[in-house]
Amino acid sequence: MYEQIARNKRRSAAIFFFFLLMIFLLAYAFGELTGMGTGGLIFAALIAGGLSFLSYWKSDSIVLAISRAKPVTKEEYPFLYNVVEGLAIAAGVPMPRCYIIDDTAPNAFATGRDPAHSIICVTTGLLQKLNRVELEGVVAHEMSHIKNYDIRVQTLAVVMVGIIALLSDWIMRSLWWGGRGRRTSRSGKSGNAGSILLVVGIFFAIFGPLIAQLLRLAVSRRREFLADASGAMLTRYPPGLASALRKISADTEPLEAANKATAHLYIVNPLKDLKGAVNKLFSTHPPIEERIAALEKM
């Protein structure tokens, strides 16, 4: 378990390092082409950061409204409350608020901007179709998302994607509206190294938005692996979560409350999960088979 957690943290860090490298190259190319230097980067960061901050601050209420989730009390669902309370104590975080989606498809997600403002939401189908050990595995997975600040990680990834998209667009517009003359005059003074960086920056300006989205999805998949490993550590019983993943993925009932905007939050993608290497690159979740295999190795 410890090795799985450490490996996924290292890979998440590596992805964010590549994000930063892309932003540096794009900022350099933008400065060379427009003469604005770092001013353009700061402007892009402010716009992307402002929009992402607003969505981050209100993300929980938006998601709950879209999902038609309702709060529940301990008297209504004592079984769920006991599991959530016990795992919150084990994780060392405040107990999340509990919400229910009235849907027979088994699934669950966590949301909230930090552990003090966190929510765990499960469907009625999850409570009906999973036994206690499996439910503990699912709740531990969602509790790990909260403890690992995955909402913040995903927000940071969205900010970086926004910065890259804006810089890429500005660079292409600069090239279209006469940036080549400025590029020639400036890069001539910067030498071969500057010319190489400029070429690489223009390459990322063309393909940057696509690469950034792929990186964001890679972050999402890595955080799912991390939550699986961290959740297994909380329960000390990886087979419980593995069994739950099998049941949820094998269930054929559609989750009517889910859509493309919220699908990435759920423990198992509630939308159709297409097979194939290309579809895997554009998926928010790792294949269930890989997640179960990783749990079985612990």
Protein backbone atom coordinates (compact mmCIF):
# COMPACT_ATOMS: atom_id res chain seq x y z
CA MET A 1 0.00 0.00 0.00
CA TYR A 2 2.76 2.43 0.91
CA GLU A 3 4.54 1.79 -2.40
CA GLN A 4 1.32 2.32 -4.38
CA ILE A 5 0.68 5.64 -2.60
CA ALA A 6 4.27 6.85 -3.06
CA ARG A 7 4.30 5.84 -6.75
CA ASN A 8 1.08 7.69 -7.53
CA LYS A 9 2.24 10.82 -5.72
CA ARG A 10 5.50 10.79 -7.71
CA ARG A 11 3.63 10.40 -11.00
CA SER A 12 1.22 13.22 -10.12
CA ALA A 13 4.21 15.45 -9.33
CA ALA A 14 5.86 14.52 -12.64
CA ILE A 15 2.71 15.47 -14.58
CA PHE A 16 2.55 18.85 -12.85
CA PHE A 17 6.24 19.42 -13.60
CA PHE A 18 5.49 18.87 -17.30
CA PHE A 19 2.58 21.32 -16.97
CA LEU A 20 4.99 23.96 -15.62
CA LEU A 21 7.53 23.23 -18.35
CA MET A 22 4.86 23.77 -21.02
CA ILE A 23 3.80 27.06 -19.45
CA PHE A 24 7.43 28.25 -19.32
CA LEU A 25 8.00 27.44 -23.00
CA LEU A 26 4.75 29.08 -24.05
CA ALA A 27 5.48 32.16 -21.95
CA TYR A 28 8.95 32.43 -23.51
CA ALA A 29 7.53 32.12 -27.02
CA PHE A 30 4.79 34.65 -26.26
CA GLY A 31 7.33 37.13 -24.89
CA GLU A 32 9.59 36.71 -27.92
CA LEU A 33 6.77 37.18 -30.39
CA THR A 34 5.02 40.12 -28.75
CA GLY A 35 7.70 41.83 -26.66
CA MET A 36 5.36 41.69 -23.62
CA GLY A 37 7.68 39.49 -21.55
CA THR A 38 6.09 37.98 -18.45
CA GLY A 39 3.18 40.43 -18.49
CA GLY A 40 1.19 38.21 -20.82
CA LEU A 41 1.72 35.18 -18.59
CA ILE A 42 0.55 37.06 -15.50
CA PHE A 43 -2.54 38.29 -17.35
CA ALA A 44 -3.38 34.75 -18.51
CA ALA A 45 -2.85 33.38 -15.01
CA LEU A 46 -5.20 35.98 -13.50
CA ILE A 47 -8.00 35.23 -15.96
CA ALA A 48 -7.71 31.43 -15.70
CA GLY A 49 -7.21 31.56 -11.95
CA GLY A 50 -10.20 33.84 -11.38
CA LEU A 51 -12.59 31.63 -13.33
CA SER A 52 -11.26 28.46 -11.69
CA PHE A 53 -11.46 30.00 -8.21
CA LEU A 54 -15.14 30.81 -8.68
CA SER A 55 -15.95 27.31 -9.89
CA TYR A 56 -13.86 25.78 -7.07
CA TRP A 57 -15.59 27.84 -4.37
CA LYS A 58 -19.08 26.90 -5.57
CA SER A 59 -18.29 23.45 -6.99
CA ASP A 60 -19.98 21.44 -4.22
CA SER A 61 -23.35 23.25 -4.39
CA ILE A 62 -23.33 23.12 -8.22
CA VAL A 63 -22.57 19.40 -8.31
CA LEU A 64 -25.18 18.55 -5.68
CA ALA A 65 -27.85 20.55 -7.51
CA ILE A 66 -27.02 18.91 -10.86
CA SER A 67 -27.05 15.46 -9.24
CA ARG A 68 -30.35 16.07 -7.42
CA ALA A 69 -28.72 14.99 -4.16
CA LYS A 70 -30.36 15.63 -0.82
CA PRO A 71 -28.86 15.74 2.70
CA VAL A 72 -29.69 12.92 5.07
CA THR A 73 -29.62 12.56 8.83
CA LYS A 74 -28.21 9.85 11.06
CA GLU A 75 -31.74 8.79 11.95
CA GLU A 76 -32.57 8.17 8.28
CA TYR A 77 -29.41 6.25 7.37
CA PRO A 78 -27.60 5.13 10.57
CA PHE A 79 -25.70 2.44 8.66
CA LEU A 80 -24.15 4.98 6.28
CA TYR A 81 -23.46 7.46 9.08
CA ASN A 82 -21.62 4.88 11.18
CA VAL A 83 -19.36 3.91 8.28
CA VAL A 84 -18.58 7.53 7.35
CA GLU A 85 -17.98 8.54 10.97
CA GLY A 86 -15.65 5.63 11.67
CA LEU A 87 -13.56 6.18 8.53
CA ALA A 88 -13.36 9.94 9.16
CA ILE A 89 -11.85 9.18 12.55
CA ALA A 90 -9.41 6.72 10.95
CA ALA A 91 -8.44 9.30 8.30
CA GLY A 92 -8.06 12.08 10.85
CA VAL A 93 -10.44 14.48 9.06
CA PRO A 94 -13.72 16.13 10.13
CA MET A 95 -16.75 14.02 9.37
CA PRO A 96 -18.11 14.94 5.91
CA ARG A 97 -21.77 15.74 5.43
CA CYS A 98 -23.76 12.86 3.97
CA TYR A 99 -25.93 13.18 0.86
CA ILE A 100 -28.07 10.66 -1.00
CA ILE A 101 -29.07 10.38 -4.67
CA ASP A 102 -32.30 8.46 -5.12
CA ASP A 103 -31.11 6.16 -7.91
CA THR A 104 -30.86 2.37 -8.10
CA ALA A 105 -27.50 2.46 -9.90
CA PRO A 106 -24.66 1.95 -7.38
CA ASN A 107 -22.11 4.77 -7.28
CA ALA A 108 -20.63 7.49 -5.04
CA PHE A 109 -18.56 10.65 -5.12
CA ALA A 110 -16.92 13.18 -2.80
CA THR A 111 -16.88 16.93 -3.21
CA GLY A 112 -16.04 20.06 -1.24
CA ARG A 113 -13.18 22.55 -1.27
CA ASP A 114 -11.35 21.13 1.79
CA PRO A 115 -11.82 18.51 4.56
CA ALA A 116 -13.70 21.03 6.72
CA HIS A 117 -16.27 21.61 3.95
CA SER A 118 -16.49 18.11 2.49
CA ILE A 119 -19.39 15.98 1.35
CA ILE A 120 -19.75 12.28 0.59
CA CYS A 121 -22.67 11.40 -1.64
CA VAL A 122 -23.88 7.88 -2.37
CA THR A 123 -26.78 6.49 -4.34
CA THR A 124 -29.55 4.44 -2.78
CA GLY A 125 -28.49 1.64 -5.13
CA LEU A 126 -25.04 1.56 -3.52
CA LEU A 127 -26.56 1.03 -0.07
CA GLN A 128 -28.89 -1.67 -1.40
CA LYS A 129 -26.40 -3.68 -3.47
CA LEU A 130 -23.16 -3.56 -1.45
CA ASN A 131 -22.40 -5.31 1.82
CA ARG A 132 -20.75 -3.51 4.73
CA VAL A 133 -17.16 -4.40 3.77
CA GLU A 134 -17.72 -3.18 0.20
CA LEU A 135 -19.44 0.01 1.38
CA GLU A 136 -16.51 0.70 3.71
CA GLY A 137 -14.15 0.32 0.75
CA VAL A 138 -16.12 2.84 -1.34
CA VAL A 139 -16.44 5.37 1.50
CA ALA A 140 -12.73 4.98 2.31
CA HIS A 141 -11.91 5.73 -1.34
CA GLU A 142 -14.01 8.92 -1.22
CA MET A 143 -12.60 9.84 2.19
CA SER A 144 -9.12 9.57 0.66
CA HIS A 145 -10.08 12.03 -2.08
CA ILE A 146 -10.99 14.46 0.70
CA LYS A 147 -7.87 13.81 2.77
CA ASN A 148 -5.58 14.08 -0.28
CA TYR A 149 -7.14 17.43 -1.30
CA ASP A 150 -7.96 16.06 -4.75
CA ILE A 151 -10.49 18.84 -5.38
CA ARG A 152 -7.64 21.35 -5.04
CA VAL A 153 -5.34 19.24 -7.19
CA GLN A 154 -7.93 19.10 -9.95
CA THR A 155 -8.56 22.85 -9.64
CA LEU A 156 -4.83 23.51 -10.02
CA ALA A 157 -4.80 21.31 -13.11
CA VAL A 158 -7.76 23.24 -14.57
CA VAL A 159 -5.96 26.55 -13.91
CA MET A 160 -2.88 25.30 -15.73
CA VAL A 161 -4.98 24.07 -18.66
CA GLY A 162 -6.61 27.51 -18.83
CA ILE A 163 -3.26 29.29 -18.84
CA ILE A 164 -1.91 27.02 -21.57
CA ALA A 165 -5.05 27.47 -23.71
CA LEU A 166 -4.90 31.26 -23.41
CA LEU A 167 -1.18 31.49 -24.15
CA SER A 168 -1.53 29.11 -27.10
CA ASP A 169 -4.35 31.19 -28.54
CA TRP A 170 -2.44 34.45 -28.09
CA ILE A 171 0.69 33.02 -29.70
CA MET A 172 -1.24 31.83 -32.74
CA ARG A 173 -2.95 35.21 -33.06
CA SER A 174 0.42 36.92 -32.74
CA LEU A 175 1.83 34.82 -35.56
CA TRP A 176 -1.23 35.54 -37.69
CA TRP A 177 -1.07 39.30 -37.12
CA GLY A 178 2.59 39.86 -37.86
CA GLY A 179 4.48 38.36 -34.95
CA ARG A 180 7.03 36.83 -37.31
CA GLY A 181 8.90 40.10 -37.81
CA ARG A 182 9.30 40.59 -34.09
CA ARG A 183 10.28 36.96 -33.69
CA THR A 184 13.09 37.29 -36.22
CA SER A 185 14.50 40.46 -34.72
CA ARG A 186 14.37 39.20 -31.13
CA SER A 187 15.49 35.61 -31.69
CA GLY A 188 18.43 36.82 -33.73
CA LYS A 189 19.81 38.36 -30.56
CA SER A 190 19.12 35.40 -28.34
CA GLY A 191 21.26 32.82 -30.14
CA ASN A 192 20.66 29.18 -30.99
CA ALA A 193 19.31 28.23 -27.57
CA GLY A 194 16.69 30.96 -27.74
CA SER A 195 15.71 29.94 -31.26
CA ILE A 196 15.25 26.33 -30.18
CA LEU A 197 13.11 27.37 -27.21
CA LEU A 198 11.04 29.56 -29.51
CA VAL A 199 10.43 26.72 -31.96
CA VAL A 200 9.47 24.37 -29.12
CA GLY A 201 7.19 27.05 -27.69
CA ILE A 202 5.42 27.47 -31.04
CA PHE A 203 5.03 23.69 -31.27
CA PHE A 204 3.30 23.68 -27.88
CA ALA A 205 1.19 26.66 -28.96
CA ILE A 206 -0.21 24.49 -31.76
CA PHE A 207 -0.66 21.27 -29.80
CA GLY A 208 -0.67 22.70 -26.25
CA PRO A 209 -4.44 22.70 -25.56
CA LEU A 210 -4.74 19.03 -26.55
CA ILE A 211 -1.64 18.02 -24.58
CA ALA A 212 -2.86 20.00 -21.55
CA GLN A 213 -6.23 18.24 -21.59
CA LEU A 214 -4.50 14.86 -21.81
CA LEU A 215 -2.33 15.82 -18.84
CA ARG A 216 -5.38 16.90 -16.84
CA LEU A 217 -7.04 13.56 -17.53
CA ALA A 218 -3.81 11.78 -16.57
CA VAL A 219 -3.86 13.65 -13.25
CA SER A 220 -7.45 12.51 -12.72
CA ARG A 221 -6.53 8.87 -13.38
CA ARG A 222 -3.51 9.02 -11.08
CA ARG A 223 -5.62 10.49 -8.27
CA GLU A 224 -8.10 7.60 -8.67
CA PHE A 225 -5.26 5.11 -8.23
CA LEU A 226 -4.04 7.12 -5.23
CA ALA A 227 -7.51 7.16 -3.64
CA ASP A 228 -7.78 3.39 -4.15
CA ALA A 229 -4.46 2.81 -2.38
CA SER A 230 -5.18 5.33 0.39
CA GLY A 231 -8.66 3.89 0.87
CA ALA A 232 -7.24 0.38 1.19
CA MET A 233 -4.90 1.70 3.87
CA LEU A 234 -7.82 3.14 5.84
CA THR A 235 -9.79 -0.12 5.87
CA ARG A 236 -6.72 -2.40 5.86
CA TYR A 237 -8.73 -4.64 3.53
CA PRO A 238 -8.09 -4.06 -0.22
CA PRO A 239 -10.41 -6.94 -1.32
CA GLY A 240 -13.40 -4.98 0.02
CA LEU A 241 -12.85 -2.10 -2.40
CA ALA A 242 -11.91 -4.49 -5.23
CA SER A 243 -15.20 -6.37 -4.77
CA ALA A 244 -17.13 -3.09 -4.71
CA LEU A 245 -15.51 -1.94 -7.96
CA ARG A 246 -16.49 -5.23 -9.62
CA LYS A 247 -20.11 -4.89 -8.53
CA ILE A 248 -20.43 -1.23 -9.50
CA SER A 249 -18.81 -1.68 -12.92
CA ALA A 250 -20.86 -4.81 -13.66
CA ASP A 251 -24.17 -3.14 -12.80
CA THR A 252 -26.16 -2.41 -15.96
CA GLU A 253 -28.57 0.19 -14.58
CA PRO A 254 -27.78 3.72 -15.86
CA LEU A 255 -27.16 6.50 -13.34
CA GLU A 256 -29.70 9.08 -14.51
CA ALA A 257 -28.28 11.89 -12.36
CA ALA A 258 -24.84 11.73 -14.00
CA ASN A 259 -23.64 13.67 -17.04
CA LYS A 260 -20.35 14.64 -18.68
CA ALA A 261 -19.84 17.51 -16.24
CA THR A 262 -20.03 15.29 -13.14
CA ALA A 263 -18.95 11.85 -14.39
CA HIS A 264 -15.30 12.37 -13.38
CA LEU A 265 -16.30 12.71 -9.71
CA TYR A 266 -17.80 9.24 -9.30
CA ILE A 267 -15.81 6.27 -8.06
CA VAL A 268 -16.68 4.43 -11.30
CA ASN A 269 -17.40 6.30 -14.52
CA PRO A 270 -21.23 6.19 -14.79
CA LEU A 271 -21.14 6.89 -18.52
CA LYS A 272 -20.25 4.35 -21.18
CA ASP A 273 -16.58 3.40 -20.75
CA LEU A 274 -15.18 2.65 -24.21
CA LYS A 275 -12.25 0.29 -24.60
CA GLY A 276 -9.08 0.90 -26.57
CA ALA A 277 -5.79 2.74 -26.10
CA VAL A 278 -7.04 6.02 -27.61
CA ASN A 279 -10.23 6.08 -25.51
CA LYS A 280 -8.13 5.30 -22.44
CA LEU A 281 -6.13 8.50 -23.00
CA PHE A 282 -9.34 10.57 -22.93
CA SER A 283 -10.84 8.81 -19.90
CA THR A 284 -11.10 10.39 -16.44
CA HIS A 285 -10.84 6.97 -14.77
CA PRO A 286 -8.32 4.15 -15.13
CA PRO A 287 -9.74 0.85 -16.44
CA ILE A 288 -11.49 -1.08 -13.69
CA GLU A 289 -9.33 -4.12 -14.45
CA GLU A 290 -6.16 -2.14 -13.72
CA ARG A 291 -7.56 -0.73 -10.49
CA ILE A 292 -8.60 -4.16 -9.26
CA ALA A 293 -5.23 -5.65 -10.22
CA ALA A 294 -3.43 -2.92 -8.27
CA LEU A 295 -5.60 -3.61 -5.20
CA GLU A 296 -4.97 -7.33 -5.44
CA LYS A 297 -1.20 -6.75 -5.36
CA MET A 298 -1.42 -4.97 -1.99
